[in-house]
Amino acid sequence: MALMITEECINCDVCEPECPNQAISQGDEYYVIDAEKCTECVGHYDEPQCVQVCPVDCIPKDPGHAESQEQLMAKFHKLTGK
């Protein structure tokens, strides 16, 4: 399941550089996560790095993009070529 950033985002800029897949970018009002690139850091880290650094806890799982660990790992392989 990809992650999403909610409107509680304070645009603090700490999540974007932490994403190994470059899935986070500045949206119109707050940061957004590209579900096609988000692997929840599967393949890179044990935990999603954006969630770890977010000071306001505004990065939940996106219920509109449910994916299993296997699907996230397949996406990691596709994105990285590893």
PDB file of N, CA and C in Angstrom:
ATOM      1  N   MET A   1       0.844  -1.164   0.000  1.00  0.00           N
ATOM      2  CA  MET A   1       0.000   0.000   0.000  1.00  0.00           C
ATOM      3  C   MET A   1       0.895   1.235   0.000  1.00  0.00           C
ATOM      4  N   ALA A   2       0.644   2.110  -0.886  1.00  0.00           N
ATOM      5  CA  ALA A   2       1.393   3.356  -0.915  1.00  0.00           C
ATOM      6  C   ALA A   2       0.970   4.221   0.261  1.00  0.00           C
ATOM      7  N   LEU A   3       1.781   5.198   0.546  1.00  0.00           N
ATOM      8  CA  LEU A   3       1.471   6.149   1.605  1.00  0.00           C
ATOM      9  C   LEU A   3       0.872   7.404   0.991  1.00  0.00           C
ATOM     10  N   MET A   4       0.292   8.234   1.836  1.00  0.00           N
ATOM     11  CA  MET A   4      -0.254   9.509   1.378  1.00  0.00           C
ATOM     12  C   MET A   4       0.048  10.573   2.428  1.00  0.00           C
ATOM     13  N   ILE A   5       0.051  11.812   2.023  1.00  0.00           N
ATOM     14  CA  ILE A   5       0.256  12.917   2.952  1.00  0.00           C
ATOM     15  C   ILE A   5      -1.070  13.653   3.071  1.00  0.00           C
ATOM     16  N   THR A   6      -1.493  13.869   4.297  1.00  0.00           N
ATOM     17  CA  THR A   6      -2.786  14.512   4.541  1.00  0.00           C
ATOM     18  C   THR A   6      -2.627  16.029   4.645  1.00  0.00           C
ATOM     19  N   GLU A   7      -3.759  16.696   4.719  1.00  0.00           N
ATOM     20  CA  GLU A   7      -3.765  18.159   4.784  1.00  0.00           C
ATOM     21  C   GLU A   7      -3.176  18.704   6.085  1.00  0.00           C
ATOM     22  N   GLU A   8      -2.873  17.833   7.032  1.00  0.00           N
ATOM     23  CA  GLU A   8      -2.207  18.278   8.257  1.00  0.00           C
ATOM     24  C   GLU A   8      -0.731  18.620   8.015  1.00  0.00           C
ATOM     25  N   CYS A   9      -0.227  18.316   6.824  1.00  0.00           N
ATOM     26  CA  CYS A   9       1.167  18.602   6.458  1.00  0.00           C
ATOM     27  C   CYS A   9       1.460  20.087   6.697  1.00  0.00           C
ATOM     28  N   ILE A  10       2.611  20.355   7.334  1.00  0.00           N
ATOM     29  CA  ILE A  10       3.012  21.736   7.620  1.00  0.00           C
ATOM     30  C   ILE A  10       4.108  22.224   6.672  1.00  0.00           C
ATOM     31  N   ASN A  11       4.365  21.473   5.608  1.00  0.00           N
ATOM     32  CA  ASN A  11       5.372  21.846   4.609  1.00  0.00           C
ATOM     33  C   ASN A  11       6.735  22.112   5.241  1.00  0.00           C
ATOM     34  N   CYS A  12       7.142  21.226   6.113  1.00  0.00           N
ATOM     35  CA  CYS A  12       8.417  21.415   6.819  1.00  0.00           C
ATOM     36  C   CYS A  12       9.619  20.975   5.999  1.00  0.00           C
ATOM     37  N   ASP A  13       9.394  20.302   4.880  1.00  0.00           N
ATOM     38  CA  ASP A  13      10.452  19.901   3.946  1.00  0.00           C
ATOM     39  C   ASP A  13      11.339  18.744   4.404  1.00  0.00           C
ATOM     40  N   VAL A  14      11.012  18.063   5.502  1.00  0.00           N
ATOM     41  CA  VAL A  14      11.910  16.994   5.948  1.00  0.00           C
ATOM     42  C   VAL A  14      11.662  15.658   5.258  1.00  0.00           C
ATOM     43  N   CYS A  15      10.462  15.423   4.744  1.00  0.00           N
ATOM     44  CA  CYS A  15      10.167  14.114   4.150  1.00  0.00           C
ATOM     45  C   CYS A  15      10.741  13.943   2.752  1.00  0.00           C
ATOM     46  N   GLU A  16      10.696  14.978   1.946  1.00  0.00           N
ATOM     47  CA  GLU A  16      11.092  14.855   0.544  1.00  0.00           C
ATOM     48  C   GLU A  16      12.501  14.288   0.354  1.00  0.00           C
ATOM     49  N   PRO A  17      13.515  14.824   1.027  1.00  0.00           N
ATOM     50  CA  PRO A  17      14.863  14.270   0.798  1.00  0.00           C
ATOM     51  C   PRO A  17      15.070  12.868   1.375  1.00  0.00           C
ATOM     52  N   GLU A  18      14.186  12.420   2.250  1.00  0.00           N
ATOM     53  CA  GLU A  18      14.323  11.090   2.848  1.00  0.00           C
ATOM     54  C   GLU A  18      13.821   9.974   1.946  1.00  0.00           C
ATOM     55  N   CYS A  19      13.020  10.305   0.941  1.00  0.00           N
ATOM     56  CA  CYS A  19      12.406   9.274   0.095  1.00  0.00           C
ATOM     57  C   CYS A  19      13.419   8.721  -0.909  1.00  0.00           C
ATOM     58  N   PRO A  20      13.748   7.428  -0.811  1.00  0.00           N
ATOM     59  CA  PRO A  20      14.728   6.849  -1.727  1.00  0.00           C
ATOM     60  C   PRO A  20      14.196   6.681  -3.155  1.00  0.00           C
ATOM     61  N   ASN A  21      12.886   6.758  -3.336  1.00  0.00           N
ATOM     62  CA  ASN A  21      12.289   6.590  -4.661  1.00  0.00           C
ATOM     63  C   ASN A  21      11.896   7.911  -5.302  1.00  0.00           C
ATOM     64  N   GLN A  22      12.167   9.008  -4.640  1.00  0.00           N
ATOM     65  CA  GLN A  22      11.796  10.337  -5.128  1.00  0.00           C
ATOM     66  C   GLN A  22      10.302  10.395  -5.439  1.00  0.00           C
ATOM     67  N   ALA A  23       9.505   9.800  -4.544  1.00  0.00           N
ATOM     68  CA  ALA A  23       8.052   9.759  -4.717  1.00  0.00           C
ATOM     69  C   ALA A  23       7.353  10.974  -4.108  1.00  0.00           C
ATOM     70  N   ILE A  24       8.074  11.769  -3.322  1.00  0.00           N
ATOM     71  CA  ILE A  24       7.470  12.908  -2.639  1.00  0.00           C
ATOM     72  C   ILE A  24       7.841  14.197  -3.357  1.00  0.00           C
ATOM     73  N   SER A  25       6.833  15.032  -3.571  1.00  0.00           N
ATOM     74  CA  SER A  25       7.077  16.329  -4.205  1.00  0.00           C
ATOM     75  C   SER A  25       6.118  17.364  -3.622  1.00  0.00           C
ATOM     76  N   GLN A  26       6.437  18.626  -3.854  1.00  0.00           N
ATOM     77  CA  GLN A  26       5.590  19.707  -3.355  1.00  0.00           C
ATOM     78  C   GLN A  26       4.326  19.780  -4.200  1.00  0.00           C
ATOM     79  N   GLY A  27       3.181  19.724  -3.556  1.00  0.00           N
ATOM     80  CA  GLY A  27       1.902  19.869  -4.236  1.00  0.00           C
ATOM     81  C   GLY A  27       1.457  21.316  -4.200  1.00  0.00           C
ATOM     82  N   ASP A  28       0.221  21.556  -4.574  1.00  0.00           N
ATOM     83  CA  ASP A  28      -0.298  22.926  -4.574  1.00  0.00           C
ATOM     84  C   ASP A  28      -0.351  23.530  -3.179  1.00  0.00           C
ATOM     85  N   GLU A  29      -0.767  22.722  -2.184  1.00  0.00           N
ATOM     86  CA  GLU A  29      -0.904  23.241  -0.827  1.00  0.00           C
ATOM     87  C   GLU A  29       0.029  22.568   0.175  1.00  0.00           C
ATOM     88  N   TYR A  30       0.395  21.319  -0.084  1.00  0.00           N
ATOM     89  CA  TYR A  30       1.290  20.579   0.796  1.00  0.00           C
ATOM     90  C   TYR A  30       1.933  19.459  -0.019  1.00  0.00           C
ATOM     91  N   TYR A  31       2.860  18.758   0.588  1.00  0.00           N
ATOM     92  CA  TYR A  31       3.574  17.699  -0.119  1.00  0.00           C
ATOM     93  C   TYR A  31       2.627  16.557  -0.510  1.00  0.00           C
ATOM     94  N   VAL A  32       2.975  15.873  -1.583  1.00  0.00           N
ATOM     95  CA  VAL A  32       2.186  14.746  -2.076  1.00  0.00           C
ATOM     96  C   VAL A  32       3.118  13.567  -2.367  1.00  0.00           C
ATOM     97  N   ILE A  33       2.543  12.376  -2.362  1.00  0.00           N
ATOM     98  CA  ILE A  33       3.299  11.159  -2.652  1.00  0.00           C
ATOM     99  C   ILE A  33       2.738  10.524  -3.918  1.00  0.00           C
ATOM    100  N   ASP A  34       3.622  10.228  -4.859  1.00  0.00           N
ATOM    101  CA  ASP A  34       3.248   9.544  -6.099  1.00  0.00           C
ATOM    102  C   ASP A  34       3.131   8.049  -5.787  1.00  0.00           C
ATOM    103  N   ALA A  35       1.915   7.530  -5.817  1.00  0.00           N
ATOM    104  CA  ALA A  35       1.671   6.130  -5.479  1.00  0.00           C
ATOM    105  C   ALA A  35       2.402   5.164  -6.409  1.00  0.00           C
ATOM    106  N   GLU A  36       2.686   5.591  -7.627  1.00  0.00           N
ATOM    107  CA  GLU A  36       3.401   4.732  -8.577  1.00  0.00           C
ATOM    108  C   GLU A  36       4.871   4.554  -8.186  1.00  0.00           C
ATOM    109  N   LYS A  37       5.395   5.459  -7.375  1.00  0.00           N
ATOM    110  CA  LYS A  37       6.793   5.382  -6.958  1.00  0.00           C
ATOM    111  C   LYS A  37       6.967   4.957  -5.499  1.00  0.00           C
ATOM    112  N   CYS A  38       5.907   5.041  -4.716  1.00  0.00           N
ATOM    113  CA  CYS A  38       6.008   4.735  -3.285  1.00  0.00           C
ATOM    114  C   CYS A  38       6.013   3.234  -3.045  1.00  0.00           C
ATOM    115  N   THR A  39       7.072   2.760  -2.381  1.00  0.00           N
ATOM    116  CA  THR A  39       7.166   1.356  -1.990  1.00  0.00           C
ATOM    117  C   THR A  39       7.131   1.214  -0.474  1.00  0.00           C
ATOM    118  N   GLU A  40       6.787   2.290   0.235  1.00  0.00           N
ATOM    119  CA  GLU A  40       6.854   2.318   1.693  1.00  0.00           C
ATOM    120  C   GLU A  40       8.271   1.971   2.153  1.00  0.00           C
ATOM    121  N   CYS A  41       9.226   2.260   1.330  1.00  0.00           N
ATOM    122  CA  CYS A  41      10.654   2.001   1.557  1.00  0.00           C
ATOM    123  C   CYS A  41      11.016   0.516   1.550  1.00  0.00           C
ATOM    124  N   VAL A  42      10.081  -0.346   1.132  1.00  0.00           N
ATOM    125  CA  VAL A  42      10.385  -1.771   0.984  1.00  0.00           C
ATOM    126  C   VAL A  42      11.528  -1.895  -0.019  1.00  0.00           C
ATOM    127  N   GLY A  43      12.527  -2.681   0.350  1.00  0.00           N
ATOM    128  CA  GLY A  43      13.699  -2.848  -0.496  1.00  0.00           C
ATOM    129  C   GLY A  43      14.828  -1.901  -0.123  1.00  0.00           C
ATOM    130  N   HIS A  44      14.487  -0.807   0.535  1.00  0.00           N
ATOM    131  CA  HIS A  44      15.493   0.173   0.955  1.00  0.00           C
ATOM    132  C   HIS A  44      15.703   0.143   2.472  1.00  0.00           C
ATOM    133  N   TYR A  45      14.616   0.225   3.216  1.00  0.00           N
ATOM    134  CA  TYR A  45      14.658   0.320   4.682  1.00  0.00           C
ATOM    135  C   TYR A  45      13.568  -0.557   5.291  1.00  0.00           C
ATOM    136  N   ASP A  46      13.683  -0.783   6.593  1.00  0.00           N
ATOM    137  CA  ASP A  46      12.680  -1.577   7.308  1.00  0.00           C
ATOM    138  C   ASP A  46      11.393  -0.799   7.556  1.00  0.00           C
ATOM    139  N   GLU A  47      11.482   0.529   7.598  1.00  0.00           N
ATOM    140  CA  GLU A  47      10.320   1.366   7.863  1.00  0.00           C
ATOM    141  C   GLU A  47      10.307   2.543   6.893  1.00  0.00           C
ATOM    142  N   PRO A  48       9.125   3.045   6.573  1.00  0.00           N
ATOM    143  CA  PRO A  48       9.052   4.219   5.692  1.00  0.00           C
ATOM    144  C   PRO A  48       9.779   5.414   6.325  1.00  0.00           C
ATOM    145  N   GLN A  49      10.741   5.939   5.621  1.00  0.00           N
ATOM    146  CA  GLN A  49      11.561   7.009   6.165  1.00  0.00           C
ATOM    147  C   GLN A  49      10.792   8.313   6.334  1.00  0.00           C
ATOM    148  N   CYS A  50       9.849   8.595   5.436  1.00  0.00           N
ATOM    149  CA  CYS A  50       9.073   9.829   5.567  1.00  0.00           C
ATOM    150  C   CYS A  50       8.256   9.817   6.850  1.00  0.00           C
ATOM    151  N   VAL A  51       7.688   8.665   7.194  1.00  0.00           N
ATOM    152  CA  VAL A  51       6.903   8.536   8.417  1.00  0.00           C
ATOM    153  C   VAL A  51       7.803   8.746   9.627  1.00  0.00           C
ATOM    154  N   GLN A  52       9.017   8.225   9.557  1.00  0.00           N
ATOM    155  CA  GLN A  52       9.947   8.341  10.677  1.00  0.00           C
ATOM    156  C   GLN A  52      10.321   9.794  10.986  1.00  0.00           C
ATOM    157  N   VAL A  53      10.450  10.623   9.961  1.00  0.00           N
ATOM    158  CA  VAL A  53      10.904  12.004  10.182  1.00  0.00           C
ATOM    159  C   VAL A  53       9.769  13.020  10.292  1.00  0.00           C
ATOM    160  N   CYS A  54       8.554  12.640   9.964  1.00  0.00           N
ATOM    161  CA  CYS A  54       7.435  13.588   9.961  1.00  0.00           C
ATOM    162  C   CYS A  54       7.117  14.047  11.389  1.00  0.00           C
ATOM    163  N   PRO A  55       7.184  15.359  11.641  1.00  0.00           N
ATOM    164  CA  PRO A  55       6.932  15.858  12.998  1.00  0.00           C
ATOM    165  C   PRO A  55       5.454  15.954  13.368  1.00  0.00           C
ATOM    166  N   VAL A  56       4.543  15.839  12.384  1.00  0.00           N
ATOM    167  CA  VAL A  56       3.121  15.993  12.695  1.00  0.00           C
ATOM    168  C   VAL A  56       2.299  14.730  12.422  1.00  0.00           C
ATOM    169  N   ASP A  57       2.934  13.633  12.085  1.00  0.00           N
ATOM    170  CA  ASP A  57       2.239  12.370  11.889  1.00  0.00           C
ATOM    171  C   ASP A  57       1.106  12.491  10.870  1.00  0.00           C
ATOM    172  N   CYS A  58       1.445  12.972   9.673  1.00  0.00           N
ATOM    173  CA  CYS A  58       0.422  13.182   8.634  1.00  0.00           C
ATOM    174  C   CYS A  58       0.631  12.280   7.421  1.00  0.00           C
ATOM    175  N   ILE A  59       1.304  11.128   7.611  1.00  0.00           N
ATOM    176  CA  ILE A  59       1.588  10.241   6.482  1.00  0.00           C
ATOM    177  C   ILE A  59       1.066   8.834   6.776  1.00  0.00           C
ATOM    178  N   PRO A  60      -0.249   8.617   6.560  1.00  0.00           N
ATOM    179  CA  PRO A  60      -0.819   7.275   6.753  1.00  0.00           C
ATOM    180  C   PRO A  60      -0.739   6.456   5.462  1.00  0.00           C
ATOM    181  N   LYS A  61      -1.137   5.200   5.573  1.00  0.00           N
ATOM    182  CA  LYS A  61      -1.265   4.357   4.378  1.00  0.00           C
ATOM    183  C   LYS A  61      -2.436   4.878   3.553  1.00  0.00           C
ATOM    184  N   ASP A  62      -2.288   4.813   2.249  1.00  0.00           N
ATOM    185  CA  ASP A  62      -3.323   5.286   1.337  1.00  0.00           C
ATOM    186  C   ASP A  62      -4.286   4.143   1.044  1.00  0.00           C
ATOM    187  N   PRO A  63      -5.518   4.207   1.559  1.00  0.00           N
ATOM    188  CA  PRO A  63      -6.458   3.110   1.339  1.00  0.00           C
ATOM    189  C   PRO A  63      -6.838   2.926  -0.137  1.00  0.00           C
ATOM    190  N   GLY A  64      -6.569   3.915  -0.958  1.00  0.00           N
ATOM    191  CA  GLY A  64      -6.865   3.812  -2.378  1.00  0.00           C
ATOM    192  C   GLY A  64      -5.801   3.083  -3.173  1.00  0.00           C
ATOM    193  N   HIS A  65      -4.702   2.720  -2.516  1.00  0.00           N
ATOM    194  CA  HIS A  65      -3.604   2.023  -3.196  1.00  0.00           C
ATOM    195  C   HIS A  65      -3.101   0.862  -2.338  1.00  0.00           C
ATOM    196  N   ALA A  66      -3.962  -0.105  -2.100  1.00  0.00           N
ATOM    197  CA  ALA A  66      -3.603  -1.264  -1.294  1.00  0.00           C
ATOM    198  C   ALA A  66      -2.649  -2.169  -2.064  1.00  0.00           C
ATOM    199  N   GLU A  67      -1.514  -2.495  -1.443  1.00  0.00           N
ATOM    200  CA  GLU A  67      -0.511  -3.380  -2.055  1.00  0.00           C
ATOM    201  C   GLU A  67       0.079  -4.287  -0.985  1.00  0.00           C
ATOM    202  N   SER A  68       0.373  -5.517  -1.350  1.00  0.00           N
ATOM    203  CA  SER A  68       1.009  -6.452  -0.434  1.00  0.00           C
ATOM    204  C   SER A  68       2.511  -6.182  -0.389  1.00  0.00           C
ATOM    205  N   GLN A  69       3.179  -6.804   0.558  1.00  0.00           N
ATOM    206  CA  GLN A  69       4.642  -6.682   0.646  1.00  0.00           C
ATOM    207  C   GLN A  69       5.292  -7.163  -0.651  1.00  0.00           C
ATOM    208  N   GLU A  70       4.739  -8.226  -1.238  1.00  0.00           N
ATOM    209  CA  GLU A  70       5.282  -8.766  -2.481  1.00  0.00           C
ATOM    210  C   GLU A  70       5.119  -7.758  -3.629  1.00  0.00           C
ATOM    211  N   GLN A  71       3.970  -7.104  -3.687  1.00  0.00           N
ATOM    212  CA  GLN A  71       3.753  -6.096  -4.723  1.00  0.00           C
ATOM    213  C   GLN A  71       4.681  -4.895  -4.531  1.00  0.00           C
ATOM    214  N   LEU A  72       4.885  -4.494  -3.275  1.00  0.00           N
ATOM    215  CA  LEU A  72       5.799  -3.380  -3.004  1.00  0.00           C
ATOM    216  C   LEU A  72       7.230  -3.746  -3.396  1.00  0.00           C
ATOM    217  N   MET A  73       7.629  -4.991  -3.124  1.00  0.00           N
ATOM    218  CA  MET A  73       8.973  -5.437  -3.498  1.00  0.00           C
ATOM    219  C   MET A  73       9.109  -5.497  -5.014  1.00  0.00           C
ATOM    220  N   ALA A  74       8.080  -5.934  -5.713  1.00  0.00           N
ATOM    221  CA  ALA A  74       8.113  -5.965  -7.177  1.00  0.00           C
ATOM    222  C   ALA A  74       8.235  -4.549  -7.732  1.00  0.00           C
ATOM    223  N   LYS A  75       7.540  -3.603  -7.109  1.00  0.00           N
ATOM    224  CA  LYS A  75       7.631  -2.207  -7.536  1.00  0.00           C
ATOM    225  C   LYS A  75       9.047  -1.673  -7.291  1.00  0.00           C
ATOM    226  N   PHE A  76       9.638  -2.040  -6.150  1.00  0.00           N
ATOM    227  CA  PHE A  76      11.023  -1.657  -5.842  1.00  0.00           C
ATOM    228  C   PHE A  76      11.958  -2.159  -6.949  1.00  0.00           C
ATOM    229  N   HIS A  77      11.826  -3.423  -7.333  1.00  0.00           N
ATOM    230  CA  HIS A  77      12.681  -3.999  -8.380  1.00  0.00           C
ATOM    231  C   HIS A  77      12.478  -3.276  -9.710  1.00  0.00           C
ATOM    232  N   LYS A  78      11.251  -2.956 -10.037  1.00  0.00           N
ATOM    233  CA  LYS A  78      10.936  -2.245 -11.281  1.00  0.00           C
ATOM    234  C   LYS A  78      11.549  -0.843 -11.285  1.00  0.00           C
ATOM    235  N   LEU A  79      11.426  -0.151 -10.158  1.00  0.00           N
ATOM    236  CA  LEU A  79      11.931   1.218 -10.075  1.00  0.00           C
ATOM    237  C   LEU A  79      13.459   1.304 -10.054  1.00  0.00           C
ATOM    238  N   THR A  80      14.092   0.323  -9.410  1.00  0.00           N
ATOM    239  CA  THR A  80      15.542   0.402  -9.214  1.00  0.00           C
ATOM    240  C   THR A  80      16.341  -0.459 -10.183  1.00  0.00           C
ATOM    241  N   GLY A  81      15.684  -1.416 -10.820  1.00  0.00           N
ATOM    242  CA  GLY A  81      16.408  -2.323 -11.701  1.00  0.00           C
ATOM    243  C   GLY A  81      17.259  -3.305 -10.942  1.00  0.00           C
ATOM    244  N   LYS A  82      17.030  -3.426  -9.639  1.00  0.00           N
ATOM    245  CA  LYS A  82      17.803  -4.364  -8.794  1.00  0.00           C
ATOM    246  C   LYS A  82      17.071  -5.659  -8.641  1.00  0.00           C
TER     247      LYS A  82
END
